[in-house]
Amino acid sequence: MRTIPIPVDTGKLTITCVKAPRPRVLNRDTGEIKTDKNGNTVYEVTVSVEDEFGRIELVKIGITGEPPITAGDPVNAVGLVGYVWEMSGRWGISYRASALLPAREAAGV
């Protein structure tokens, strides 16, 4: 399976953290935590994403390292990309960001 990263234009989106960051679990039976190629822990953050028309979706964003955000924070998703995947006839989009910052701190980024 080949995936191509698709950059997401976040300019017209309002992103809010709805669940505190937590390490992504690969195997619930063993408790194995996902790591990146450098051995750093990958975190999963559940956010609400509202577009300019008021449509809202809940999505999970993966990020290396624990981001400095908590539930309720407006968030700036730096370098957000989507990856379309397909497995056994099912498909979806997974999201990754290079940084998730509180919007008040990210204004200058």
Protein backbone atom coordinates (compact mmCIF):
# COMPACT_ATOMS: atom_id res chain seq x y z
CA MET A 1 0.00 0.00 0.00
CA ARG A 2 1.38 3.38 -1.01
CA THR A 3 0.20 6.53 0.71
CA ILE A 4 0.77 10.06 -0.45
CA PRO A 5 0.71 12.89 2.08
CA ILE A 6 -1.89 15.54 1.26
CA PRO A 7 -1.22 18.94 2.89
CA VAL A 8 -4.23 20.39 4.71
CA ASP A 9 -4.87 24.13 4.44
CA THR A 10 -5.83 25.06 8.00
CA GLY A 11 -6.29 28.76 7.25
CA LYS A 12 -10.11 28.60 7.32
CA LEU A 13 -10.42 25.93 10.01
CA THR A 14 -11.03 26.31 13.73
CA ILE A 15 -9.33 23.46 15.57
CA THR A 16 -10.00 22.74 19.26
CA CYS A 17 -8.46 20.03 21.43
CA VAL A 18 -11.28 17.92 22.89
CA LYS A 19 -9.23 15.14 24.51
CA ALA A 20 -5.82 15.50 26.14
CA PRO A 21 -2.83 14.08 24.21
CA ARG A 22 -2.00 10.48 25.02
CA PRO A 23 0.53 7.98 23.69
CA ARG A 24 -0.83 5.97 20.78
CA VAL A 25 -1.23 2.31 21.70
CA LEU A 26 -0.33 -0.18 18.95
CA ASN A 27 -1.36 -3.32 20.79
CA ARG A 28 -3.96 -3.17 23.56
CA ASP A 29 -3.09 -6.67 24.76
CA THR A 30 0.61 -5.90 25.31
CA GLY A 31 0.35 -2.15 25.87
CA GLU A 32 2.93 -1.53 23.14
CA ILE A 33 3.25 2.20 22.40
CA LYS A 34 3.82 3.50 18.86
CA THR A 35 7.16 5.18 18.21
CA ASP A 36 8.56 7.00 15.19
CA LYS A 37 11.65 5.88 13.26
CA ASN A 38 13.86 7.65 15.84
CA GLY A 39 12.25 5.89 18.81
CA ASN A 40 10.22 8.91 19.97
CA THR A 41 6.71 8.31 21.34
CA VAL A 42 3.87 9.13 18.96
CA TYR A 43 0.94 10.88 20.64
CA GLU A 44 -2.68 10.93 19.52
CA VAL A 45 -4.80 14.05 20.01
CA THR A 46 -8.56 14.17 19.42
CA VAL A 47 -9.67 17.55 18.07
CA SER A 48 -12.82 19.11 16.68
CA VAL A 49 -12.36 20.75 13.30
CA GLU A 50 -14.86 23.38 12.19
CA ASP A 51 -14.81 24.69 8.63
CA GLU A 52 -15.94 28.09 7.38
CA PHE A 53 -19.49 26.77 6.84
CA GLY A 54 -19.89 25.61 10.45
CA ARG A 55 -19.49 21.89 9.71
CA ILE A 56 -17.71 20.11 12.57
CA GLU A 57 -15.87 16.78 12.60
CA LEU A 58 -13.89 14.98 15.27
CA VAL A 59 -10.50 13.76 14.08
CA LYS A 60 -7.41 12.26 15.66
CA ILE A 61 -4.06 13.80 14.84
CA GLY A 62 -0.79 11.94 15.37
CA ILE A 63 2.28 13.85 16.47
CA THR A 64 5.76 12.94 17.64
CA GLY A 65 6.32 14.07 21.22
CA GLU A 66 3.74 15.34 23.68
CA PRO A 67 2.25 18.64 22.49
CA PRO A 68 1.79 21.48 25.03
CA ILE A 69 -2.01 21.54 24.78
CA THR A 70 -4.93 20.43 26.94
CA ALA A 71 -8.61 19.77 26.36
CA GLY A 72 -10.44 22.99 25.50
CA ASP A 73 -7.43 24.73 23.94
CA PRO A 74 -7.83 26.33 20.51
CA VAL A 75 -5.04 24.72 18.47
CA ASN A 76 -2.80 25.63 15.56
CA ALA A 77 -1.93 22.45 13.62
CA VAL A 78 1.45 23.18 12.01
CA GLY A 79 2.32 21.09 8.96
CA LEU A 80 -0.94 19.12 9.02
CA VAL A 81 -1.13 16.38 6.38
CA GLY A 82 -3.69 13.68 5.63
CA TYR A 83 -2.91 10.17 4.45
CA VAL A 84 -5.62 8.17 2.67
CA TRP A 85 -5.43 4.47 3.58
CA GLU A 86 -7.26 1.30 2.57
CA MET A 87 -7.25 -2.09 4.24
CA SER A 88 -9.54 -5.08 3.64
CA GLY A 89 -12.09 -3.00 1.74
CA ARG A 90 -12.20 -0.26 4.39
CA TRP A 91 -10.62 3.13 3.96
CA GLY A 92 -10.06 6.34 5.86
CA ILE A 93 -7.78 9.30 6.35
CA SER A 94 -5.15 9.49 9.06
CA TYR A 95 -3.70 12.84 10.06
CA ARG A 96 -0.25 13.89 11.27
CA ALA A 97 1.14 17.28 12.20
CA SER A 98 4.67 18.49 12.78
CA ALA A 99 3.42 20.53 15.77
CA LEU A 100 0.21 21.16 17.69
CA LEU A 101 0.45 24.46 19.54
CA PRO A 102 -2.00 26.49 21.59
CA ALA A 103 -3.38 29.07 19.14
CA ARG A 104 -2.42 31.98 21.43
CA GLU A 105 1.26 30.87 21.34
CA ALA A 106 1.28 29.99 17.65
CA ALA A 107 0.16 33.38 16.36
CA GLY A 108 3.74 34.22 15.39
CA VAL A 109 4.53 30.85 13.77
